Amino acid sequence: MDYGAVVELDTLRKVNLNLLTVFELLMETRSATETAARLHTTQPGISRKLAELRRLFADPLFVLVKRQLVPTPRAVEIRPTVREALAAIGGLMEDGGAFDPLKSTRTFRIAARHTLEWMLAPGLRSHCDIHAPMVRFSFVNMQGVALPEKQLEDHSVDIALGRFEEVGPRFRSQGLFDDDRVCLMRHGHPASRRRLTPAVFSALRFVTTTDMYGKDNEVDTWLRQAGYQRAFDLYVSSMSHVPLILLQTDLAVTMPRKLANYIARFHPLHVKDLGFHLPKSHYNMVWHARWDDVPSHRWMRQAVAGLIGVSAPDRTVPALSPSRVRGAA
């Protein structure tokens, strides 16, 4: 007899799967009231479930601080395992291809930089309003540009969107689009009618997000190799502030062409080509290999790729090395 298996089964008999769902929602919402609304039950009912969870794990799990449920260290510790368990069971239930987007109430979590979130979120919500009205999406802003492997491993996020050059064997990657960089500024900006040579471009005053303070992107690296450097006059907490700032100042920002064109549809801003050519950036979608054949996850990946994965038009001018443009300024 496998006594280990008997012990495990005996432990599992004490666990109501609904308790784990309640735990995960409490971790997400930090509110018994909102958790109750999500599960279409009552707040006292959630309080009873929380009491069961506390007995099960022999820990308070959440403490009330300023009308918000704050997780204990034990709750933070067990959350990745709870998420993996819920995800594994969900995937098991879908193995027969039973996923119906019209009936699903699943929440998908997407890790992405704010630029990709801007391009994807409105269209994704509109798409789901028609094809999956009860499906929810939660965007998680990535700090930096590295692949969030830990979040993909513990199911904190379902997919990551970005420019990920190295993807390990535990993960899968799908190309979305290639894009070049452009400059966005207000109409009537002093540089709006000038060719943005490296010298003119580096003399502009730029705005960027605070998380990029002291960091270089590929534009800065290229400029430095060519003997130039640009200055940032303003750092803001969110990219969402940038369009209004550009409209009222002589600041400029660089961003992917797809995003700049999207913003210019809603704000009277000028999309300006660079007078020098950088290699295009390749954007891809990455997920954990365990989700390859799970119907709901596959549906979500197809929706994301279909909405954002249209390649930018190929440019006929080849990328130049910094040494070839140094004298052109």
C-alpha atoms as a PDB file:
ATOM      1  CA  MET A   1       0.000   0.000   0.000  1.00  0.00           C
ATOM      2  CA  ASP A   2       1.217   3.503  -0.804  1.00  0.00           C
ATOM      3  CA  TYR A   3       0.809   5.150   2.613  1.00  0.00           C
ATOM      4  CA  GLY A   4       1.981   8.489   1.190  1.00  0.00           C
ATOM      5  CA  ALA A   5      -0.905   8.471  -1.275  1.00  0.00           C
ATOM      6  CA  VAL A   6      -3.357   7.583   1.521  1.00  0.00           C
ATOM      7  CA  VAL A   7      -2.109  10.527   3.602  1.00  0.00           C
ATOM      8  CA  GLU A   8      -2.397  12.886   0.620  1.00  0.00           C
ATOM      9  CA  LEU A   9      -5.941  11.741  -0.145  1.00  0.00           C
ATOM     10  CA  ASP A  10      -6.893  12.118   3.498  1.00  0.00           C
ATOM     11  CA  THR A  11      -5.600  15.705   3.417  1.00  0.00           C
ATOM     12  CA  LEU A  12      -7.396  16.487   0.168  1.00  0.00           C
ATOM     13  CA  ARG A  13     -10.715  15.292   1.606  1.00  0.00           C
ATOM     14  CA  LYS A  14     -10.540  18.249   3.988  1.00  0.00           C
ATOM     15  CA  VAL A  15     -10.148  20.754   1.168  1.00  0.00           C
ATOM     16  CA  ASN A  16     -13.126  22.295  -0.564  1.00  0.00           C
ATOM     17  CA  LEU A  17     -11.972  23.524  -3.973  1.00  0.00           C
ATOM     18  CA  ASN A  18     -14.215  26.558  -3.551  1.00  0.00           C
ATOM     19  CA  LEU A  19     -12.043  27.613  -0.617  1.00  0.00           C
ATOM     20  CA  LEU A  20      -9.032  27.954  -2.890  1.00  0.00           C
ATOM     21  CA  THR A  21     -11.069  30.050  -5.307  1.00  0.00           C
ATOM     22  CA  VAL A  22     -12.119  32.316  -2.440  1.00  0.00           C
ATOM     23  CA  PHE A  23      -8.510  32.580  -1.263  1.00  0.00           C
ATOM     24  CA  GLU A  24      -7.287  33.608  -4.724  1.00  0.00           C
ATOM     25  CA  LEU A  25     -10.004  36.226  -5.135  1.00  0.00           C
ATOM     26  CA  LEU A  26      -9.295  37.637  -1.671  1.00  0.00           C
ATOM     27  CA  MET A  27      -5.634  37.929  -2.636  1.00  0.00           C
ATOM     28  CA  GLU A  28      -6.641  39.745  -5.811  1.00  0.00           C
ATOM     29  CA  THR A  29      -9.328  42.067  -4.440  1.00  0.00           C
ATOM     30  CA  ARG A  30      -8.244  42.464  -0.779  1.00  0.00           C
ATOM     31  CA  SER A  31     -11.963  42.786  -0.080  1.00  0.00           C
ATOM     32  CA  ALA A  32     -14.562  40.311   1.187  1.00  0.00           C
ATOM     33  CA  THR A  33     -17.333  42.452  -0.299  1.00  0.00           C
ATOM     34  CA  GLU A  34     -15.845  42.499  -3.803  1.00  0.00           C
ATOM     35  CA  THR A  35     -15.017  38.791  -3.604  1.00  0.00           C
ATOM     36  CA  ALA A  36     -18.636  38.082  -2.697  1.00  0.00           C
ATOM     37  CA  ALA A  37     -19.825  40.125  -5.676  1.00  0.00           C
ATOM     38  CA  ARG A  38     -17.491  38.255  -8.016  1.00  0.00           C
ATOM     39  CA  LEU A  39     -18.761  34.891  -6.763  1.00  0.00           C
ATOM     40  CA  HIS A  40     -22.419  35.985  -6.638  1.00  0.00           C
ATOM     41  CA  THR A  41     -22.685  35.238  -2.941  1.00  0.00           C
ATOM     42  CA  THR A  42     -22.916  37.236   0.298  1.00  0.00           C
ATOM     43  CA  GLN A  43     -20.222  38.932   2.351  1.00  0.00           C
ATOM     44  CA  PRO A  44     -21.067  36.813   5.447  1.00  0.00           C
ATOM     45  CA  GLY A  45     -20.677  33.731   3.258  1.00  0.00           C
ATOM     46  CA  ILE A  46     -17.176  34.825   2.270  1.00  0.00           C
ATOM     47  CA  SER A  47     -16.359  35.502   5.936  1.00  0.00           C
ATOM     48  CA  ARG A  48     -17.337  31.913   6.762  1.00  0.00           C
ATOM     49  CA  LYS A  49     -15.126  30.630   3.940  1.00  0.00           C
ATOM     50  CA  LEU A  50     -12.249  32.730   5.256  1.00  0.00           C
ATOM     51  CA  ALA A  51     -12.731  31.202   8.710  1.00  0.00           C
ATOM     52  CA  GLU A  52     -12.481  27.736   7.122  1.00  0.00           C
ATOM     53  CA  LEU A  53      -9.334  28.760   5.276  1.00  0.00           C
ATOM     54  CA  ARG A  54      -7.782  29.994   8.514  1.00  0.00           C
ATOM     55  CA  ARG A  55      -8.491  26.660  10.203  1.00  0.00           C
ATOM     56  CA  LEU A  56      -7.184  24.738   7.208  1.00  0.00           C
ATOM     57  CA  PHE A  57      -3.876  26.600   7.029  1.00  0.00           C
ATOM     58  CA  ALA A  58      -3.571  27.341  10.758  1.00  0.00           C
ATOM     59  CA  ASP A  59      -2.898  30.981   9.977  1.00  0.00           C
ATOM     60  CA  PRO A  60      -4.937  34.229   9.951  1.00  0.00           C
ATOM     61  CA  LEU A  61      -4.059  34.597   6.222  1.00  0.00           C
ATOM     62  CA  PHE A  62      -5.539  38.134   6.105  1.00  0.00           C
ATOM     63  CA  VAL A  63      -5.627  40.965   8.634  1.00  0.00           C
ATOM     64  CA  LEU A  64      -7.847  44.019   8.354  1.00  0.00           C
ATOM     65  CA  VAL A  65      -5.816  47.227   7.964  1.00  0.00           C
ATOM     66  CA  LYS A  66      -7.639  50.469   7.176  1.00  0.00           C
ATOM     67  CA  ARG A  67     -10.665  48.596   5.780  1.00  0.00           C
ATOM     68  CA  GLN A  68      -8.498  46.443   3.509  1.00  0.00           C
ATOM     69  CA  LEU A  69      -7.558  42.781   3.875  1.00  0.00           C
ATOM     70  CA  VAL A  70      -3.770  42.568   3.973  1.00  0.00           C
ATOM     71  CA  PRO A  71      -2.271  39.077   3.404  1.00  0.00           C
ATOM     72  CA  THR A  72       0.021  37.566   6.003  1.00  0.00           C
ATOM     73  CA  PRO A  73       3.467  36.197   5.038  1.00  0.00           C
ATOM     74  CA  ARG A  74       1.926  32.706   5.033  1.00  0.00           C
ATOM     75  CA  ALA A  75      -0.741  33.789   2.518  1.00  0.00           C
ATOM     76  CA  VAL A  76       1.894  35.315   0.256  1.00  0.00           C
ATOM     77  CA  GLU A  77       3.928  32.107   0.533  1.00  0.00           C
ATOM     78  CA  ILE A  78       1.130  29.723  -0.463  1.00  0.00           C
ATOM     79  CA  ARG A  79      -0.427  31.833  -3.217  1.00  0.00           C
ATOM     80  CA  PRO A  80       1.791  30.561  -6.089  1.00  0.00           C
ATOM     81  CA  THR A  81       0.958  26.953  -5.167  1.00  0.00           C
ATOM     82  CA  VAL A  82      -2.762  27.719  -4.918  1.00  0.00           C
ATOM     83  CA  ARG A  83      -2.684  29.412  -8.315  1.00  0.00           C
ATOM     84  CA  GLU A  84      -0.892  26.454  -9.885  1.00  0.00           C
ATOM     85  CA  ALA A  85      -3.424  24.050  -8.370  1.00  0.00           C
ATOM     86  CA  LEU A  86      -6.410  26.050  -9.631  1.00  0.00           C
ATOM     87  CA  ALA A  87      -4.848  26.430 -13.060  1.00  0.00           C
ATOM     88  CA  ALA A  88      -4.030  22.722 -13.297  1.00  0.00           C
ATOM     89  CA  ILE A  89      -7.567  21.725 -12.338  1.00  0.00           C
ATOM     90  CA  GLY A  90      -8.995  24.248 -14.778  1.00  0.00           C
ATOM     91  CA  GLY A  91      -6.830  22.864 -17.550  1.00  0.00           C
ATOM     92  CA  LEU A  92      -7.842  19.305 -16.648  1.00  0.00           C
ATOM     93  CA  MET A  93     -11.524  20.199 -16.896  1.00  0.00           C
ATOM     94  CA  GLU A  94     -10.942  21.707 -20.342  1.00  0.00           C
ATOM     95  CA  ASP A  95      -9.019  18.791 -21.821  1.00  0.00           C
ATOM     96  CA  GLY A  96     -12.077  17.678 -23.749  1.00  0.00           C
ATOM     97  CA  GLY A  97     -12.278  20.974 -25.598  1.00  0.00           C
ATOM     98  CA  ALA A  98     -15.180  22.130 -23.431  1.00  0.00           C
ATOM     99  CA  PHE A  99     -14.184  25.802 -23.314  1.00  0.00           C
ATOM    100  CA  ASP A 100     -17.018  28.071 -24.438  1.00  0.00           C
ATOM    101  CA  PRO A 101     -15.967  31.741 -24.594  1.00  0.00           C
ATOM    102  CA  LEU A 102     -19.610  32.866 -24.568  1.00  0.00           C
ATOM    103  CA  LYS A 103     -20.094  31.256 -21.146  1.00  0.00           C
ATOM    104  CA  SER A 104     -16.630  31.548 -19.622  1.00  0.00           C
ATOM    105  CA  THR A 105     -16.068  33.844 -16.625  1.00  0.00           C
ATOM    106  CA  ARG A 106     -12.312  33.354 -16.592  1.00  0.00           C
ATOM    107  CA  THR A 107      -9.896  36.201 -15.880  1.00  0.00           C
ATOM    108  CA  PHE A 108      -6.736  36.235 -18.014  1.00  0.00           C
ATOM    109  CA  ARG A 109      -3.682  38.098 -16.753  1.00  0.00           C
ATOM    110  CA  ILE A 110      -1.349  39.741 -19.253  1.00  0.00           C
ATOM    111  CA  ALA A 111       2.095  41.124 -18.423  1.00  0.00           C
ATOM    112  CA  ALA A 112       3.074  43.919 -20.804  1.00  0.00           C
ATOM    113  CA  ARG A 113       4.757  47.277 -20.971  1.00  0.00           C
ATOM    114  CA  HIS A 114       2.336  50.206 -21.006  1.00  0.00           C
ATOM    115  CA  THR A 115       2.925  50.752 -24.732  1.00  0.00           C
ATOM    116  CA  LEU A 116       1.580  47.324 -25.694  1.00  0.00           C
ATOM    117  CA  GLU A 117      -1.233  47.594 -23.161  1.00  0.00           C
ATOM    118  CA  TRP A 118      -2.363  50.810 -24.824  1.00  0.00           C
ATOM    119  CA  MET A 119      -2.484  49.167 -28.231  1.00  0.00           C
ATOM    120  CA  LEU A 120      -4.188  45.970 -27.100  1.00  0.00           C
ATOM    121  CA  ALA A 121      -6.598  46.725 -24.243  1.00  0.00           C
ATOM    122  CA  PRO A 122      -9.367  48.658 -26.083  1.00  0.00           C
ATOM    123  CA  GLY A 123      -9.596  46.254 -29.012  1.00  0.00           C
ATOM    124  CA  LEU A 124      -9.412  43.212 -26.759  1.00  0.00           C
ATOM    125  CA  ARG A 125     -12.294  44.436 -24.620  1.00  0.00           C
ATOM    126  CA  SER A 126     -14.390  45.275 -27.693  1.00  0.00           C
ATOM    127  CA  HIS A 127     -13.642  41.832 -29.148  1.00  0.00           C
ATOM    128  CA  CYS A 128     -14.723  40.126 -25.931  1.00  0.00           C
ATOM    129  CA  ASP A 129     -17.895  42.185 -25.630  1.00  0.00           C
ATOM    130  CA  ILE A 130     -19.046  40.296 -28.728  1.00  0.00           C
ATOM    131  CA  HIS A 131     -17.348  36.908 -28.442  1.00  0.00           C
ATOM    132  CA  ALA A 132     -16.722  36.426 -24.702  1.00  0.00           C
ATOM    133  CA  PRO A 133     -18.797  38.940 -22.721  1.00  0.00           C
ATOM    134  CA  MET A 134     -18.016  37.534 -19.254  1.00  0.00           C
ATOM    135  CA  VAL A 135     -14.281  37.004 -19.773  1.00  0.00           C
ATOM    136  CA  ARG A 136     -12.089  39.509 -17.944  1.00  0.00           C
ATOM    137  CA  PHE A 137      -8.544  40.699 -18.545  1.00  0.00           C
ATOM    138  CA  SER A 138      -6.121  42.060 -15.987  1.00  0.00           C
ATOM    139  CA  PHE A 139      -2.998  43.830 -17.262  1.00  0.00           C
ATOM    140  CA  VAL A 140       0.161  43.768 -15.155  1.00  0.00           C
ATOM    141  CA  ASN A 141       2.746  46.432 -15.975  1.00  0.00           C
ATOM    142  CA  MET A 142       6.173  44.876 -16.469  1.00  0.00           C
ATOM    143  CA  GLN A 143       9.040  46.540 -14.635  1.00  0.00           C
ATOM    144  CA  GLY A 144      11.836  46.541 -17.177  1.00  0.00           C
ATOM    145  CA  VAL A 145      11.981  44.575 -20.388  1.00  0.00           C
ATOM    146  CA  ALA A 146      13.115  41.136 -19.164  1.00  0.00           C
ATOM    147  CA  LEU A 147      10.812  38.132 -19.502  1.00  0.00           C
ATOM    148  CA  PRO A 148       8.846  37.743 -16.216  1.00  0.00           C
ATOM    149  CA  GLU A 149       9.700  34.057 -15.834  1.00  0.00           C
ATOM    150  CA  LYS A 150       8.666  33.768 -12.184  1.00  0.00           C
ATOM    151  CA  GLN A 151       5.223  35.224 -12.874  1.00  0.00           C
ATOM    152  CA  LEU A 152       4.718  32.836 -15.788  1.00  0.00           C
ATOM    153  CA  GLU A 153       5.885  29.911 -13.638  1.00  0.00           C
ATOM    154  CA  ASP A 154       3.576  30.572 -10.694  1.00  0.00           C
ATOM    155  CA  HIS A 155       0.645  31.623 -12.905  1.00  0.00           C
ATOM    156  CA  SER A 156       0.646  35.216 -11.701  1.00  0.00           C
ATOM    157  CA  VAL A 157       0.251  35.967 -15.408  1.00  0.00           C
ATOM    158  CA  ASP A 158      -0.970  33.880 -18.341  1.00  0.00           C
ATOM    159  CA  ILE A 159       1.114  35.497 -21.075  1.00  0.00           C
ATOM    160  CA  ALA A 160       3.812  38.127 -21.402  1.00  0.00           C
ATOM    161  CA  LEU A 161       4.058  40.558 -24.308  1.00  0.00           C
ATOM    162  CA  GLY A 162       7.276  42.327 -25.199  1.00  0.00           C
ATOM    163  CA  ARG A 163      10.612  42.040 -26.933  1.00  0.00           C
ATOM    164  CA  PHE A 164      12.002  38.825 -25.497  1.00  0.00           C
ATOM    165  CA  GLU A 165      15.098  37.621 -27.306  1.00  0.00           C
ATOM    166  CA  GLU A 166      15.864  34.626 -25.096  1.00  0.00           C
ATOM    167  CA  VAL A 167      13.078  32.233 -24.152  1.00  0.00           C
ATOM    168  CA  GLY A 168      13.930  29.124 -22.133  1.00  0.00           C
ATOM    169  CA  PRO A 169      12.726  25.580 -22.887  1.00  0.00           C
ATOM    170  CA  ARG A 170       9.933  25.810 -20.291  1.00  0.00           C
ATOM    171  CA  PHE A 171       8.225  28.506 -22.335  1.00  0.00           C
ATOM    172  CA  ARG A 172       6.692  28.941 -25.767  1.00  0.00           C
ATOM    173  CA  SER A 173       6.969  32.031 -27.966  1.00  0.00           C
ATOM    174  CA  GLN A 174       4.926  33.380 -30.873  1.00  0.00           C
ATOM    175  CA  GLY A 175       6.022  36.343 -32.975  1.00  0.00           C
ATOM    176  CA  LEU A 176       3.524  39.205 -33.158  1.00  0.00           C
ATOM    177  CA  PHE A 177       4.975  42.010 -35.260  1.00  0.00           C
ATOM    178  CA  ASP A 178       8.107  43.942 -36.162  1.00  0.00           C
ATOM    179  CA  ASP A 179       8.109  47.702 -35.696  1.00  0.00           C
ATOM    180  CA  ASP A 180      10.382  50.702 -36.017  1.00  0.00           C
ATOM    181  CA  ARG A 181      10.718  53.753 -33.778  1.00  0.00           C
ATOM    182  CA  VAL A 182       9.297  57.188 -34.520  1.00  0.00           C
ATOM    183  CA  CYS A 183       9.132  60.517 -32.730  1.00  0.00           C
ATOM    184  CA  LEU A 184       5.852  61.962 -31.460  1.00  0.00           C
ATOM    185  CA  MET A 185       5.449  65.722 -30.915  1.00  0.00           C
ATOM    186  CA  ARG A 186       2.847  68.456 -31.177  1.00  0.00           C
ATOM    187  CA  HIS A 187       1.931  70.047 -34.496  1.00  0.00           C
ATOM    188  CA  GLY A 188       3.911  73.262 -34.817  1.00  0.00           C
ATOM    189  CA  HIS A 189       6.809  71.920 -32.763  1.00  0.00           C
ATOM    190  CA  PRO A 190      10.052  73.708 -33.798  1.00  0.00           C
ATOM    191  CA  ALA A 191      11.417  70.400 -35.111  1.00  0.00           C
ATOM    192  CA  SER A 192       8.225  69.244 -36.835  1.00  0.00           C
ATOM    193  CA  ARG A 193       9.419  70.474 -40.259  1.00  0.00           C
ATOM    194  CA  ARG A 194      13.065  69.510 -39.842  1.00  0.00           C
ATOM    195  CA  ARG A 195      14.708  66.241 -40.808  1.00  0.00           C
ATOM    196  CA  LEU A 196      15.524  64.420 -37.597  1.00  0.00           C
ATOM    197  CA  THR A 197      19.185  63.710 -38.199  1.00  0.00           C
ATOM    198  CA  PRO A 198      21.061  62.342 -35.176  1.00  0.00           C
ATOM    199  CA  ALA A 199      22.215  65.877 -34.300  1.00  0.00           C
ATOM    200  CA  VAL A 200      18.730  67.424 -34.547  1.00  0.00           C
ATOM    201  CA  PHE A 201      17.117  64.479 -32.767  1.00  0.00           C
ATOM    202  CA  SER A 202      19.573  64.430 -29.854  1.00  0.00           C
ATOM    203  CA  ALA A 203      19.069  68.181 -29.335  1.00  0.00           C
ATOM    204  CA  LEU A 204      15.344  67.688 -28.642  1.00  0.00           C
ATOM    205  CA  ARG A 205      13.980  67.632 -25.101  1.00  0.00           C
ATOM    206  CA  PHE A 206      12.298  64.339 -24.208  1.00  0.00           C
ATOM    207  CA  VAL A 207       9.744  62.942 -21.806  1.00  0.00           C
ATOM    208  CA  THR A 208       9.691  59.318 -20.635  1.00  0.00           C
ATOM    209  CA  THR A 209       8.398  57.224 -17.743  1.00  0.00           C
ATOM    210  CA  THR A 210       9.979  57.186 -14.307  1.00  0.00           C
ATOM    211  CA  ASP A 211      10.844  53.490 -14.499  1.00  0.00           C
ATOM    212  CA  MET A 212      13.267  54.322 -17.321  1.00  0.00           C
ATOM    213  CA  TYR A 213      15.240  56.808 -15.202  1.00  0.00           C
ATOM    214  CA  GLY A 214      18.954  56.179 -15.660  1.00  0.00           C
ATOM    215  CA  LYS A 215      18.340  53.413 -18.209  1.00  0.00           C
ATOM    216  CA  ASP A 216      19.122  53.305 -21.908  1.00  0.00           C
ATOM    217  CA  ASN A 217      16.951  51.782 -24.596  1.00  0.00           C
ATOM    218  CA  GLU A 218      18.121  50.839 -28.076  1.00  0.00           C
ATOM    219  CA  VAL A 219      17.783  54.443 -29.285  1.00  0.00           C
ATOM    220  CA  ASP A 220      20.106  55.756 -26.568  1.00  0.00           C
ATOM    221  CA  THR A 221      22.607  52.967 -27.168  1.00  0.00           C
ATOM    222  CA  TRP A 222      22.651  53.692 -30.894  1.00  0.00           C
ATOM    223  CA  LEU A 223      23.076  57.445 -30.341  1.00  0.00           C
ATOM    224  CA  ARG A 224      25.948  56.940 -27.929  1.00  0.00           C
ATOM    225  CA  GLN A 225      27.731  54.684 -30.399  1.00  0.00           C
ATOM    226  CA  ALA A 226      27.271  57.398 -33.018  1.00  0.00           C
ATOM    227  CA  GLY A 227      28.710  60.044 -30.691  1.00  0.00           C
ATOM    228  CA  TYR A 228      25.457  61.669 -29.540  1.00  0.00           C
ATOM    229  CA  GLN A 229      23.390  61.792 -26.364  1.00  0.00           C
ATOM    230  CA  ARG A 230      19.857  63.007 -25.727  1.00  0.00           C
ATOM    231  CA  ALA A 231      18.439  64.615 -22.584  1.00  0.00           C
ATOM    232  CA  PHE A 232      15.246  63.813 -20.705  1.00  0.00           C
ATOM    233  CA  ASP A 233      13.604  66.860 -19.147  1.00  0.00           C
ATOM    234  CA  LEU A 234      10.584  65.128 -17.639  1.00  0.00           C
ATOM    235  CA  TYR A 235       9.841  61.738 -16.083  1.00  0.00           C
ATOM    236  CA  VAL A 236       6.198  60.782 -15.512  1.00  0.00           C
ATOM    237  CA  SER A 237       4.616  57.925 -13.604  1.00  0.00           C
ATOM    238  CA  SER A 238       2.541  56.654 -16.522  1.00  0.00           C
ATOM    239  CA  MET A 239       2.673  56.778 -20.294  1.00  0.00           C
ATOM    240  CA  SER A 240      -0.978  57.825 -20.270  1.00  0.00           C
ATOM    241  CA  HIS A 241       0.077  61.349 -19.256  1.00  0.00           C
ATOM    242  CA  VAL A 242       2.372  61.826 -22.238  1.00  0.00           C
ATOM    243  CA  PRO A 243      -0.074  62.902 -25.005  1.00  0.00           C
ATOM    244  CA  LEU A 244      -1.438  65.844 -22.993  1.00  0.00           C
ATOM    245  CA  ILE A 245       2.093  66.860 -22.004  1.00  0.00           C
ATOM    246  CA  LEU A 246       3.216  66.817 -25.640  1.00  0.00           C
ATOM    247  CA  LEU A 247       0.269  68.983 -26.659  1.00  0.00           C
ATOM    248  CA  GLN A 248       1.270  71.704 -24.188  1.00  0.00           C
ATOM    249  CA  THR A 249       5.083  71.671 -24.414  1.00  0.00           C
ATOM    250  CA  ASP A 250       7.983  71.356 -26.830  1.00  0.00           C
ATOM    251  CA  LEU A 251       8.868  67.946 -25.433  1.00  0.00           C
ATOM    252  CA  ALA A 252       9.021  64.856 -27.653  1.00  0.00           C
ATOM    253  CA  VAL A 253       8.869  61.116 -27.112  1.00  0.00           C
ATOM    254  CA  THR A 254      10.064  58.086 -29.064  1.00  0.00           C
ATOM    255  CA  MET A 255       7.882  55.006 -29.309  1.00  0.00           C
ATOM    256  CA  PRO A 256       6.918  52.160 -31.660  1.00  0.00           C
ATOM    257  CA  ARG A 257       5.232  53.357 -34.853  1.00  0.00           C
ATOM    258  CA  LYS A 258       2.093  51.294 -34.215  1.00  0.00           C
ATOM    259  CA  LEU A 259       1.542  52.989 -30.871  1.00  0.00           C
ATOM    260  CA  ALA A 260       2.349  56.479 -32.180  1.00  0.00           C
ATOM    261  CA  ASN A 261      -0.152  56.073 -35.025  1.00  0.00           C
ATOM    262  CA  TYR A 262      -2.751  54.814 -32.553  1.00  0.00           C
ATOM    263  CA  ILE A 263      -2.272  57.795 -30.216  1.00  0.00           C
ATOM    264  CA  ALA A 264      -2.379  60.235 -33.146  1.00  0.00           C
ATOM    265  CA  ARG A 265      -5.873  58.929 -33.996  1.00  0.00           C
ATOM    266  CA  PHE A 266      -7.175  60.416 -30.743  1.00  0.00           C
ATOM    267  CA  HIS A 267      -4.838  63.369 -30.130  1.00  0.00           C
ATOM    268  CA  PRO A 268      -3.701  66.051 -32.624  1.00  0.00           C
ATOM    269  CA  LEU A 269      -0.053  64.995 -32.519  1.00  0.00           C
ATOM    270  CA  HIS A 270       2.554  64.715 -35.256  1.00  0.00           C
ATOM    271  CA  VAL A 271       4.203  61.364 -36.001  1.00  0.00           C
ATOM    272  CA  LYS A 272       7.705  62.142 -37.227  1.00  0.00           C
ATOM    273  CA  ASP A 273      10.054  59.667 -38.905  1.00  0.00           C
ATOM    274  CA  LEU A 274      13.616  59.539 -37.661  1.00  0.00           C
ATOM    275  CA  GLY A 275      16.260  60.751 -40.093  1.00  0.00           C
ATOM    276  CA  PHE A 276      18.345  57.682 -39.341  1.00  0.00           C
ATOM    277  CA  HIS A 277      17.363  54.042 -39.340  1.00  0.00           C
ATOM    278  CA  LEU A 278      17.530  51.662 -36.434  1.00  0.00           C
ATOM    279  CA  PRO A 279      17.001  47.902 -36.663  1.00  0.00           C
ATOM    280  CA  LYS A 280      13.354  47.007 -36.212  1.00  0.00           C
ATOM    281  CA  SER A 281      12.191  45.653 -32.879  1.00  0.00           C
ATOM    282  CA  HIS A 282      10.603  42.196 -32.820  1.00  0.00           C
ATOM    283  CA  TYR A 283       7.644  41.798 -30.466  1.00  0.00           C
ATOM    284  CA  ASN A 284       6.464  38.404 -29.280  1.00  0.00           C
ATOM    285  CA  MET A 285       4.067  36.660 -26.930  1.00  0.00           C
ATOM    286  CA  VAL A 286       5.395  34.154 -24.386  1.00  0.00           C
ATOM    287  CA  TRP A 287       3.557  31.624 -22.219  1.00  0.00           C
ATOM    288  CA  HIS A 288       4.422  28.586 -20.116  1.00  0.00           C
ATOM    289  CA  ALA A 289       4.549  25.299 -22.032  1.00  0.00           C
ATOM    290  CA  ARG A 290       1.967  23.751 -19.699  1.00  0.00           C
ATOM    291  CA  TRP A 291      -0.742  25.843 -21.402  1.00  0.00           C
ATOM    292  CA  ASP A 292      -0.009  24.747 -24.969  1.00  0.00           C
ATOM    293  CA  ASP A 293      -3.109  22.609 -25.426  1.00  0.00           C
ATOM    294  CA  VAL A 294      -5.496  24.122 -22.866  1.00  0.00           C
ATOM    295  CA  PRO A 295      -8.494  25.351 -24.928  1.00  0.00           C
ATOM    296  CA  SER A 296      -9.179  28.555 -22.963  1.00  0.00           C
ATOM    297  CA  HIS A 297      -5.545  29.597 -23.050  1.00  0.00           C
ATOM    298  CA  ARG A 298      -5.267  28.789 -26.743  1.00  0.00           C
ATOM    299  CA  TRP A 299      -8.385  30.878 -27.438  1.00  0.00           C
ATOM    300  CA  MET A 300      -6.924  33.818 -25.502  1.00  0.00           C
ATOM    301  CA  ARG A 301      -3.589  33.614 -27.361  1.00  0.00           C
ATOM    302  CA  GLN A 302      -5.363  33.543 -30.713  1.00  0.00           C
ATOM    303  CA  ALA A 303      -7.438  36.587 -29.746  1.00  0.00           C
ATOM    304  CA  VAL A 304      -4.364  38.563 -28.669  1.00  0.00           C
ATOM    305  CA  ALA A 305      -2.344  37.602 -31.738  1.00  0.00           C
ATOM    306  CA  GLY A 306      -5.219  38.440 -34.047  1.00  0.00           C
ATOM    307  CA  LEU A 307      -5.714  41.886 -32.537  1.00  0.00           C
ATOM    308  CA  ILE A 308      -2.127  43.034 -32.145  1.00  0.00           C
ATOM    309  CA  GLY A 309      -0.134  40.760 -34.395  1.00  0.00           C
ATOM    310  CA  VAL A 310      -0.394  42.626 -37.707  1.00  0.00           C
ATOM    311  CA  SER A 311       3.130  43.314 -38.892  1.00  0.00           C
ATOM    312  CA  ALA A 312       4.142  46.874 -39.621  1.00  0.00           C
ATOM    313  CA  PRO A 313       4.896  47.572 -43.317  1.00  0.00           C
ATOM    314  CA  ASP A 314       8.404  46.671 -44.383  1.00  0.00           C
ATOM    315  CA  ARG A 315      10.733  49.613 -44.863  1.00  0.00           C
ATOM    316  CA  THR A 316      12.841  49.651 -48.023  1.00  0.00           C
ATOM    317  CA  VAL A 317      15.771  51.555 -46.483  1.00  0.00           C
ATOM    318  CA  PRO A 318      18.206  49.199 -44.693  1.00  0.00           C
ATOM    319  CA  ALA A 319      19.335  49.884 -41.128  1.00  0.00           C
ATOM    320  CA  LEU A 320      22.577  51.846 -40.967  1.00  0.00           C
ATOM    321  CA  SER A 321      25.389  51.510 -38.486  1.00  0.00           C
ATOM    322  CA  PRO A 322      26.192  54.612 -36.382  1.00  0.00           C
ATOM    323  CA  SER A 323      29.484  55.092 -38.218  1.00  0.00           C
ATOM    324  CA  ARG A 324      27.648  55.633 -41.522  1.00  0.00           C
ATOM    325  CA  VAL A 325      25.601  58.587 -40.278  1.00  0.00           C
ATOM    326  CA  ARG A 326      28.084  60.408 -38.045  1.00  0.00           C
ATOM    327  CA  GLY A 327      29.042  62.801 -40.818  1.00  0.00           C
ATOM    328  CA  ALA A 328      25.500  63.271 -42.109  1.00  0.00           C
ATOM    329  CA  ALA A 329      24.442  65.531 -39.264  1.00  0.00           C
END
